[in-house]
């Protein structure tokens, strides 16, 4: 498997992209992105579990249920989430779908729609129409980065990646772009991801592999514990490589490559977390089963007390254990062990048998001053483990979100 230099959604054969500024963002920055395949695609999607899904989520779910192997495009706007907008919002999403199809000379059902931005505002369809037409005129292989930048909201940088993998039938490529910085939590959050591939793979298999990849990547990250109304991960595969993904080896290798793309994008979202200064890996080992390990890791990842201690470089291990203790699992304190580590400094045990181990404050502080750190918690129950990725919680996060609407 190889990383494609500067790769993104246009790295696979047969895909083009474009972006434009149509005035949805007050800043005047690009706010509409178009990703288009030159041929029909199989498609799959995974969406938020929030009970108040945005109009594009509702529309895409409906579209994917009825048309699984003839998609042509994904159109995304930023600046306005089109969430909590009632019937008018759903009509705007349908119009966004129709206008894109009109430009591409295809059916509306061949277009999937994404939105991100401020909740509660109605989409200006006239602005969308201008943006879609402008983007269509600029479609090219070279505009993948422009599309990745156009879907950003509070992101400070674009997020894209592509990998090439050799299958028994030949090489295939998987590319992707994502956005997300705040309102990020397992079951996804204010994140959008568009994935593309030139492999030939049936929609039911694609859906299964995408769900698995999302569960091991986007559903294992947390910035602030909030799950959004708009979370969506979409994938289109157009078969332009001529390589089929049907046999066991091909499916396994495709799955591995898809996992890598999703995990890379998920990590990029955490690294760009609103106000974040540290990338934190939470590794829970010694659990009875993986579900329990995930549950403990997610509870720690969403603890404001843990996250603020990490921001301050404070080795307050009691906060970590307290969070683990409210995860809903039966734990034996005498079996617990906790370590912190960083590649630049090494590893230090803070807790042994549920009590403070023998460690030096200066050494712990040195580790926690690093930009990337790992917390490893051993529950002492079994052989299962799980990893969740998060970041610290700084004053900057509060500043960003206290003024989000202004």
Protein backbone atom coordinates (compact mmCIF):
# COMPACT_ATOMS: atom_id res chain seq x y z
CA UNK A 1 0.00 0.00 0.00
CA UNK A 2 1.36 3.42 -0.97
CA UNK A 3 0.35 6.94 0.00
CA UNK A 4 -0.36 9.05 -3.09
CA UNK A 5 1.56 12.35 -2.74
CA UNK A 6 -0.84 15.29 -2.43
CA UNK A 7 -3.70 12.86 -3.06
CA UNK A 8 -7.35 13.44 -2.33
CA UNK A 9 -10.74 12.78 -3.90
CA UNK A 10 -9.43 13.18 -7.45
CA UNK A 11 -6.55 10.70 -7.08
CA UNK A 12 -8.66 7.72 -8.26
CA UNK A 13 -9.25 7.41 -12.00
CA UNK A 14 -12.31 9.16 -13.42
CA UNK A 15 -12.92 11.72 -10.67
CA UNK A 16 -12.83 15.52 -10.89
CA UNK A 17 -13.55 18.27 -8.39
CA UNK A 18 -14.08 22.01 -8.14
CA UNK A 19 -14.92 24.75 -5.67
CA UNK A 20 -16.44 28.22 -5.70
CA UNK A 21 -17.49 31.06 -3.43
CA UNK A 22 -21.21 31.71 -3.72
CA UNK A 23 -21.71 33.93 -0.66
CA UNK A 24 -22.91 31.49 1.99
CA UNK A 25 -19.91 32.43 4.13
CA UNK A 26 -19.79 36.07 5.17
CA UNK A 27 -16.01 35.98 4.79
CA UNK A 28 -16.30 35.46 1.06
CA UNK A 29 -14.24 32.27 1.26
CA UNK A 30 -15.03 29.28 -0.99
CA UNK A 31 -18.18 27.58 0.31
CA UNK A 32 -19.30 25.11 -2.34
CA UNK A 33 -17.50 21.96 -3.48
CA UNK A 34 -18.33 19.53 -6.24
CA UNK A 35 -16.89 16.02 -6.64
CA UNK A 36 -17.89 14.30 -9.88
CA UNK A 37 -17.26 10.92 -11.48
CA UNK A 38 -17.10 10.60 -15.25
CA UNK A 39 -19.07 7.36 -14.99
CA UNK A 40 -21.76 5.85 -12.76
CA UNK A 41 -20.70 4.75 -9.29
CA UNK A 42 -21.72 2.40 -6.54
CA UNK A 43 -22.34 4.35 -3.37
CA UNK A 44 -22.59 3.94 0.38
CA UNK A 45 -22.98 6.19 3.38
CA UNK A 46 -22.83 6.31 7.16
CA UNK A 47 -24.63 9.09 9.00
CA UNK A 48 -25.14 10.73 12.37
CA UNK A 49 -27.25 9.04 15.03
CA UNK A 50 -28.43 12.40 16.27
CA UNK A 51 -32.23 12.34 16.46
CA UNK A 52 -32.47 15.72 14.73
CA UNK A 53 -30.73 14.96 11.42
CA UNK A 54 -30.13 17.77 8.95
CA UNK A 55 -32.06 17.89 5.67
CA UNK A 56 -29.12 16.57 3.57
CA UNK A 57 -28.82 13.55 5.88
CA UNK A 58 -32.51 12.77 5.44
CA UNK A 59 -32.26 13.18 1.68
CA UNK A 60 -29.10 11.09 1.30
CA UNK A 61 -30.51 8.26 3.38
CA UNK A 62 -33.56 8.21 1.16
CA UNK A 63 -31.48 8.33 -2.02
CA UNK A 64 -29.09 5.57 -0.95
CA UNK A 65 -31.97 3.27 -0.06
CA UNK A 66 -33.37 3.43 -3.58
CA UNK A 67 -30.36 3.98 -5.87
CA UNK A 68 -27.22 2.05 -4.95
CA UNK A 69 -25.15 1.82 -8.14
CA UNK A 70 -25.61 4.83 -10.38
CA UNK A 71 -24.29 7.89 -8.56
CA UNK A 72 -22.34 10.62 -10.30
CA UNK A 73 -21.58 13.37 -7.80
CA UNK A 74 -21.45 14.76 -4.28
CA UNK A 75 -22.18 18.47 -3.81
CA UNK A 76 -21.26 20.11 -0.50
CA UNK A 77 -21.90 23.57 0.88
CA UNK A 78 -20.32 25.11 3.97
CA UNK A 79 -21.44 28.08 6.03
CA UNK A 80 -25.04 26.87 6.48
CA UNK A 81 -25.84 23.46 7.97
CA UNK A 82 -29.42 23.28 6.65
CA UNK A 83 -30.36 21.64 9.95
CA UNK A 84 -33.50 22.36 12.00
CA UNK A 85 -34.93 24.12 8.92
CA UNK A 86 -38.19 22.19 8.50
CA UNK A 87 -39.85 21.41 5.16
CA UNK A 88 -38.18 24.40 3.50
CA UNK A 89 -34.78 22.96 4.38
CA UNK A 90 -35.58 19.61 2.81
CA UNK A 91 -36.85 21.36 -0.30
CA UNK A 92 -33.60 23.35 -0.47
CA UNK A 93 -31.59 20.13 -0.25
CA UNK A 94 -33.65 18.64 -3.09
CA UNK A 95 -33.10 21.77 -5.15
CA UNK A 96 -29.36 21.54 -4.49
CA UNK A 97 -29.54 17.97 -5.78
CA UNK A 98 -31.61 19.00 -8.82
CA UNK A 99 -29.39 21.94 -9.79
CA UNK A 100 -26.28 19.78 -9.67
CA UNK A 101 -27.94 17.09 -11.77
CA UNK A 102 -29.01 19.72 -14.29
CA UNK A 103 -25.40 20.86 -14.72
CA UNK A 104 -24.17 17.29 -15.08
CA UNK A 105 -27.05 16.22 -17.34
CA UNK A 106 -27.98 13.33 -15.04
CA UNK A 107 -30.91 12.45 -12.79
CA UNK A 108 -31.26 14.17 -9.37
CA UNK A 109 -31.13 10.73 -7.69
CA UNK A 110 -27.56 10.38 -8.95
CA UNK A 111 -26.41 13.26 -6.73
CA UNK A 112 -25.70 13.14 -3.00
CA UNK A 113 -25.81 16.32 -0.90
CA UNK A 114 -23.85 17.52 2.15
CA UNK A 115 -24.07 20.71 4.22
CA UNK A 116 -22.13 22.09 7.18
CA UNK A 117 -22.16 25.34 9.11
CA UNK A 118 -24.56 27.24 11.33
CA UNK A 119 -27.64 25.31 12.48
CA UNK A 120 -31.06 26.91 12.01
CA UNK A 121 -30.42 29.12 8.97
CA UNK A 122 -32.15 28.53 5.65
CA UNK A 123 -30.05 27.89 2.55
CA UNK A 124 -30.14 30.60 -0.12
CA UNK A 125 -30.93 28.51 -3.20
CA UNK A 126 -30.16 31.35 -5.60
CA UNK A 127 -26.63 31.55 -4.25
CA UNK A 128 -26.31 27.78 -4.50
CA UNK A 129 -27.37 27.85 -8.13
CA UNK A 130 -24.59 30.32 -8.96
CA UNK A 131 -22.03 28.31 -7.01
CA UNK A 132 -22.96 25.00 -8.62
CA UNK A 133 -22.70 26.46 -12.11
CA UNK A 134 -19.36 28.09 -11.33
CA UNK A 135 -18.00 24.87 -9.86
CA UNK A 136 -19.17 22.79 -12.80
CA UNK A 137 -17.25 25.06 -15.16
CA UNK A 138 -14.05 24.49 -13.16
CA UNK A 139 -14.16 20.70 -12.78
CA UNK A 140 -10.70 19.14 -13.10
CA UNK A 141 -8.34 16.54 -11.60
CA UNK A 142 -6.27 19.41 -10.20
CA UNK A 143 -9.00 20.93 -8.05
CA UNK A 144 -9.23 18.27 -5.35
CA UNK A 145 -7.47 20.51 -2.83
CA UNK A 146 -9.75 23.42 -3.66
CA UNK A 147 -12.77 21.23 -2.91
CA UNK A 148 -11.24 20.11 0.40
CA UNK A 149 -10.73 23.75 1.38
CA UNK A 150 -14.25 24.81 0.39
CA UNK A 151 -15.94 22.44 2.87
CA UNK A 152 -14.08 23.88 5.89
CA UNK A 153 -15.83 25.82 8.67
CA UNK A 154 -13.75 26.39 11.83
CA UNK A 155 -11.05 24.10 10.42
CA UNK A 156 -7.63 25.73 10.22
CA UNK A 157 -6.42 23.47 7.42
CA UNK A 158 -7.82 21.14 4.79
CA UNK A 159 -7.78 17.38 5.26
CA UNK A 160 -7.21 14.97 2.38
CA UNK A 161 -5.39 11.73 1.64
CA UNK A 162 -5.18 8.97 -0.96
CA UNK A 163 -3.67 5.48 -1.03
CA UNK A 164 -2.91 3.04 -3.84
CA UNK A 165 -3.07 -0.69 -3.19
CA UNK A 166 -2.31 -3.69 -5.37
CA UNK A 167 -5.17 -6.20 -5.64
CA UNK A 168 -5.05 -9.57 -7.46
CA UNK A 169 -6.68 -7.89 -10.47
CA UNK A 170 -4.39 -4.86 -10.47
CA UNK A 171 -3.90 -1.53 -8.63
CA UNK A 172 -6.77 0.58 -7.29
CA UNK A 173 -6.81 3.93 -5.54
CA UNK A 174 -8.92 5.26 -2.66
CA UNK A 175 -9.00 8.99 -1.98
CA UNK A 176 -10.79 11.18 0.48
CA UNK A 177 -11.36 14.59 1.98
CA UNK A 178 -12.92 15.56 5.29
CA UNK A 179 -13.80 18.54 7.42
CA UNK A 180 -14.22 18.80 11.16
CA UNK A 181 -12.71 20.68 14.08
CA UNK A 182 -15.40 21.10 16.74
CA UNK A 183 -18.63 19.33 17.71
CA UNK A 184 -16.73 16.08 17.25
CA UNK A 185 -17.61 12.89 19.13
CA UNK A 186 -18.10 9.15 18.48
CA UNK A 187 -21.15 8.36 16.38
CA UNK A 188 -19.46 11.07 14.39
CA UNK A 189 -20.01 14.79 14.80
CA UNK A 190 -19.71 17.98 12.76
CA UNK A 191 -17.61 16.08 10.33
CA UNK A 192 -18.15 15.44 6.68
CA UNK A 193 -16.09 13.04 4.58
CA UNK A 194 -16.25 12.23 0.89
CA UNK A 195 -14.35 9.13 -0.24
CA UNK A 196 -13.75 8.00 -3.81
CA UNK A 197 -12.29 4.92 -5.49
CA UNK A 198 -11.74 3.57 -8.99
CA UNK A 199 -12.39 -0.01 -7.83
CA UNK A 200 -15.37 -2.01 -9.07
CA UNK A 201 -17.23 -3.12 -5.95
CA UNK A 202 -20.87 -3.95 -5.29
CA UNK A 203 -22.85 -1.51 -3.17
CA UNK A 204 -23.79 -4.01 -0.39
CA UNK A 205 -20.13 -4.95 0.12
CA UNK A 206 -19.12 -1.30 -0.02
CA UNK A 207 -21.68 -0.39 2.65
CA UNK A 208 -20.44 -3.14 4.96
CA UNK A 209 -16.79 -2.14 4.56
CA UNK A 210 -17.55 1.56 5.02
CA UNK A 211 -19.48 0.92 8.23
CA UNK A 212 -16.59 -1.14 9.57
CA UNK A 213 -14.02 1.51 8.61
CA UNK A 214 -16.06 4.30 10.19
CA UNK A 215 -16.50 2.34 13.42
CA UNK A 216 -12.71 2.01 13.71
CA UNK A 217 -11.90 5.61 12.81
CA UNK A 218 -14.45 8.43 12.83
CA UNK A 219 -16.39 6.74 15.63
CA UNK A 220 -13.22 6.49 17.73
CA UNK A 221 -12.44 10.22 17.91
CA UNK A 222 -13.69 12.97 20.19
CA UNK A 223 -12.87 16.67 20.44
CA UNK A 224 -15.61 17.94 22.72
CA UNK A 225 -18.26 15.24 23.25
CA UNK A 226 -20.90 16.81 20.99
CA UNK A 227 -22.48 14.80 18.18
CA UNK A 228 -23.84 16.91 15.33
CA UNK A 229 -26.94 16.94 13.17
CA UNK A 230 -24.98 16.71 9.91
CA UNK A 231 -22.38 13.94 10.28
CA UNK A 232 -21.97 12.08 7.02
CA UNK A 233 -19.36 9.85 5.41
CA UNK A 234 -20.02 9.04 1.75
CA UNK A 235 -18.09 6.86 -0.68
CA UNK A 236 -18.39 6.53 -4.46
CA UNK A 237 -16.62 3.79 -6.46
CA UNK A 238 -16.69 4.01 -10.26
CA UNK A 239 -14.81 0.91 -11.45
CA UNK A 240 -12.61 2.99 -13.78
CA UNK A 241 -9.55 0.89 -12.90
CA UNK A 242 -11.24 -2.20 -14.30
CA UNK A 243 -10.31 -4.07 -11.10
CA UNK A 244 -13.10 -6.01 -9.38
CA UNK A 245 -13.31 -6.38 -5.61
CA UNK A 246 -15.11 -9.70 -5.23
CA UNK A 247 -12.75 -12.41 -3.99
CA UNK A 248 -11.70 -12.70 -0.36
CA UNK A 249 -8.17 -11.33 -0.85
CA UNK A 250 -9.38 -8.30 -2.82
CA UNK A 251 -12.05 -7.47 -0.26
CA UNK A 252 -9.54 -7.75 2.60
CA UNK A 253 -6.98 -5.50 0.90
CA UNK A 254 -9.60 -2.94 -0.12
CA UNK A 255 -10.90 -2.92 3.44
CA UNK A 256 -7.40 -2.36 4.83
CA UNK A 257 -6.83 0.56 2.45
CA UNK A 258 -10.23 2.07 3.27
CA UNK A 259 -9.42 1.78 6.98
CA UNK A 260 -6.16 3.64 6.40
CA UNK A 261 -7.84 6.50 4.54
CA UNK A 262 -10.57 6.88 7.16
CA UNK A 263 -8.15 6.71 10.08
CA UNK A 264 -5.83 9.26 8.48
CA UNK A 265 -8.70 11.70 8.00
CA UNK A 266 -10.04 11.04 11.51
CA UNK A 267 -6.63 11.75 13.05
CA UNK A 268 -6.37 14.95 11.00
CA UNK A 269 -9.68 16.12 12.47
CA UNK A 270 -8.47 15.57 16.04
CA UNK A 271 -5.14 17.28 15.33
CA UNK A 272 -7.14 20.28 14.08
CA UNK A 273 -9.55 20.23 17.02
CA UNK A 274 -10.78 23.68 17.97
CA UNK A 275 -8.12 25.25 20.17
CA UNK A 276 -6.29 21.93 20.59
CA UNK A 277 -2.61 21.91 21.51
CA UNK A 278 -2.16 18.16 22.08
CA UNK A 279 -3.02 15.00 20.12
CA UNK A 280 -3.91 12.32 22.67
CA UNK A 281 -4.09 8.56 22.17
CA UNK A 282 -6.18 6.75 24.79
CA UNK A 283 -5.34 3.05 24.90
CA UNK A 284 -7.47 0.91 27.22
CA UNK A 285 -6.13 -2.63 27.66
CA UNK A 286 -6.95 -5.57 29.91
CA UNK A 287 -10.71 -5.35 29.31
CA UNK A 288 -13.12 -8.27 29.25
CA UNK A 289 -14.30 -7.29 25.76
CA UNK A 290 -13.68 -4.59 23.17
CA UNK A 291 -17.02 -2.89 23.81
CA UNK A 292 -16.08 -2.33 27.43
CA UNK A 293 -12.68 -0.98 26.48
CA UNK A 294 -14.27 1.44 24.00
CA UNK A 295 -16.77 2.58 26.61
CA UNK A 296 -14.06 3.40 29.14
CA UNK A 297 -11.87 5.12 26.55
CA UNK A 298 -14.73 7.30 25.29
CA UNK A 299 -15.67 8.30 28.82
CA UNK A 300 -12.13 9.45 29.51
CA UNK A 301 -11.94 11.21 26.13
CA UNK A 302 -15.01 13.32 26.93
CA UNK A 303 -14.10 14.27 30.50
CA UNK A 304 -13.60 18.05 30.73
CA UNK A 305 -11.49 17.54 33.84
CA UNK A 306 -9.14 15.12 32.07
CA UNK A 307 -8.94 17.29 28.98
CA UNK A 308 -8.21 20.50 30.88
CA UNK A 309 -5.54 18.74 32.94
CA UNK A 310 -3.92 17.64 29.67
CA UNK A 311 -4.09 21.23 28.42
CA UNK A 312 -2.25 22.40 31.53
CA UNK A 313 0.26 19.56 31.49
CA UNK A 314 -0.98 18.42 34.90
CA UNK A 315 -0.40 14.69 35.66
CA UNK A 316 -3.67 14.52 37.61
CA UNK A 317 -4.15 10.76 37.27
CA UNK A 318 -7.09 10.79 39.69
CA UNK A 319 -9.23 12.45 37.02
CA UNK A 320 -8.48 9.65 34.58
CA UNK A 321 -9.43 6.95 37.07
CA UNK A 322 -12.55 8.85 38.15
CA UNK A 323 -13.71 9.03 34.52
CA UNK A 324 -13.05 5.32 34.02
CA UNK A 325 -15.03 4.59 37.16
CA UNK A 326 -18.19 6.23 35.80
CA UNK A 327 -18.11 4.40 32.45
CA UNK A 328 -20.60 1.84 33.73
CA UNK A 329 -18.27 -1.17 34.01
CA UNK A 330 -17.49 -3.11 37.15
CA UNK A 331 -13.86 -2.37 37.96
CA UNK A 332 -11.51 -3.65 40.64
CA UNK A 333 -9.35 -0.70 41.77
CA UNK A 334 -6.56 -3.03 42.87
CA UNK A 335 -6.13 -4.20 39.25
CA UNK A 336 -5.77 -0.77 37.64
CA UNK A 337 -2.56 0.54 36.12
CA UNK A 338 -1.98 3.83 34.26
CA UNK A 339 0.96 4.98 32.14
CA UNK A 340 1.68 8.16 30.19
CA UNK A 341 4.17 8.31 27.36
CA UNK A 342 5.48 10.31 24.42
CA UNK A 343 7.86 9.31 21.68
CA UNK A 344 10.22 12.12 22.57
CA UNK A 345 10.52 11.36 26.30
CA UNK A 346 9.47 7.78 27.05
CA UNK A 347 6.92 6.10 29.31
CA UNK A 348 6.10 6.66 32.99
CA UNK A 349 3.77 4.65 35.24
CA UNK A 350 1.51 6.89 37.33
CA UNK A 351 -0.75 4.25 38.90
CA UNK A 352 0.02 0.74 40.13
CA UNK A 353 -2.67 -1.51 41.68
CA UNK A 354 -5.08 1.41 41.82
CA UNK A 355 -2.73 3.64 43.80
CA UNK A 356 -0.06 6.21 43.06
CA UNK A 357 3.12 4.63 41.73
CA UNK A 358 6.58 5.97 42.51
CA UNK A 359 7.19 8.74 39.96
CA UNK A 360 8.72 12.19 39.71
CA UNK A 361 6.56 15.23 38.99
CA UNK A 362 9.18 16.73 36.71
CA UNK A 363 9.32 13.62 34.52
CA UNK A 364 5.52 13.48 34.20
CA UNK A 365 5.33 17.17 33.38
CA UNK A 366 7.99 16.75 30.70
CA UNK A 367 5.97 14.00 28.98
CA UNK A 368 2.73 16.00 29.13
CA UNK A 369 4.45 19.01 27.58
CA UNK A 370 4.86 17.06 24.32
CA UNK A 371 2.40 17.73 21.46
CA UNK A 372 1.55 14.02 21.13
CA UNK A 373 1.01 11.84 24.19
CA UNK A 374 -0.46 8.44 25.01
CA UNK A 375 -2.44 7.40 28.08
CA UNK A 376 -2.51 3.63 28.60
CA UNK A 377 -4.98 2.30 31.16
CA UNK A 378 -4.90 -1.38 32.13
CA UNK A 379 -8.19 -2.60 33.63
CA UNK A 380 -6.71 -5.93 34.67
CA UNK A 381 -9.76 -7.92 33.58
CA UNK A 382 -8.93 -9.72 30.36
CA UNK A 383 -7.24 -9.53 26.95
CA UNK A 384 -9.42 -7.06 25.03
CA UNK A 385 -8.32 -3.54 24.15
CA UNK A 386 -9.43 -0.44 22.24
CA UNK A 387 -7.98 2.89 21.15
CA UNK A 388 -9.70 6.27 21.02
CA UNK A 389 -8.12 9.53 19.89
CA UNK A 390 -8.84 12.93 21.41
CA UNK A 391 -7.25 16.28 22.20
CA UNK A 392 -6.95 18.65 25.12
CA UNK A 393 -9.45 21.39 26.01
CA UNK A 394 -7.96 24.89 26.04
CA UNK A 395 -9.11 28.47 26.57
CA UNK A 396 -9.09 28.88 22.79
CA UNK A 397 -11.89 26.30 22.43
CA UNK A 398 -14.12 28.43 24.66
CA UNK A 399 -13.24 31.60 22.73
CA UNK A 400 -14.06 30.00 19.37
CA UNK A 401 -17.43 28.67 20.47
CA UNK A 402 -18.47 31.62 22.60
CA UNK A 403 -18.37 33.76 19.46
CA UNK A 404 -19.36 31.21 16.80
CA UNK A 405 -22.44 33.08 15.54
CA UNK A 406 -20.66 36.45 15.48
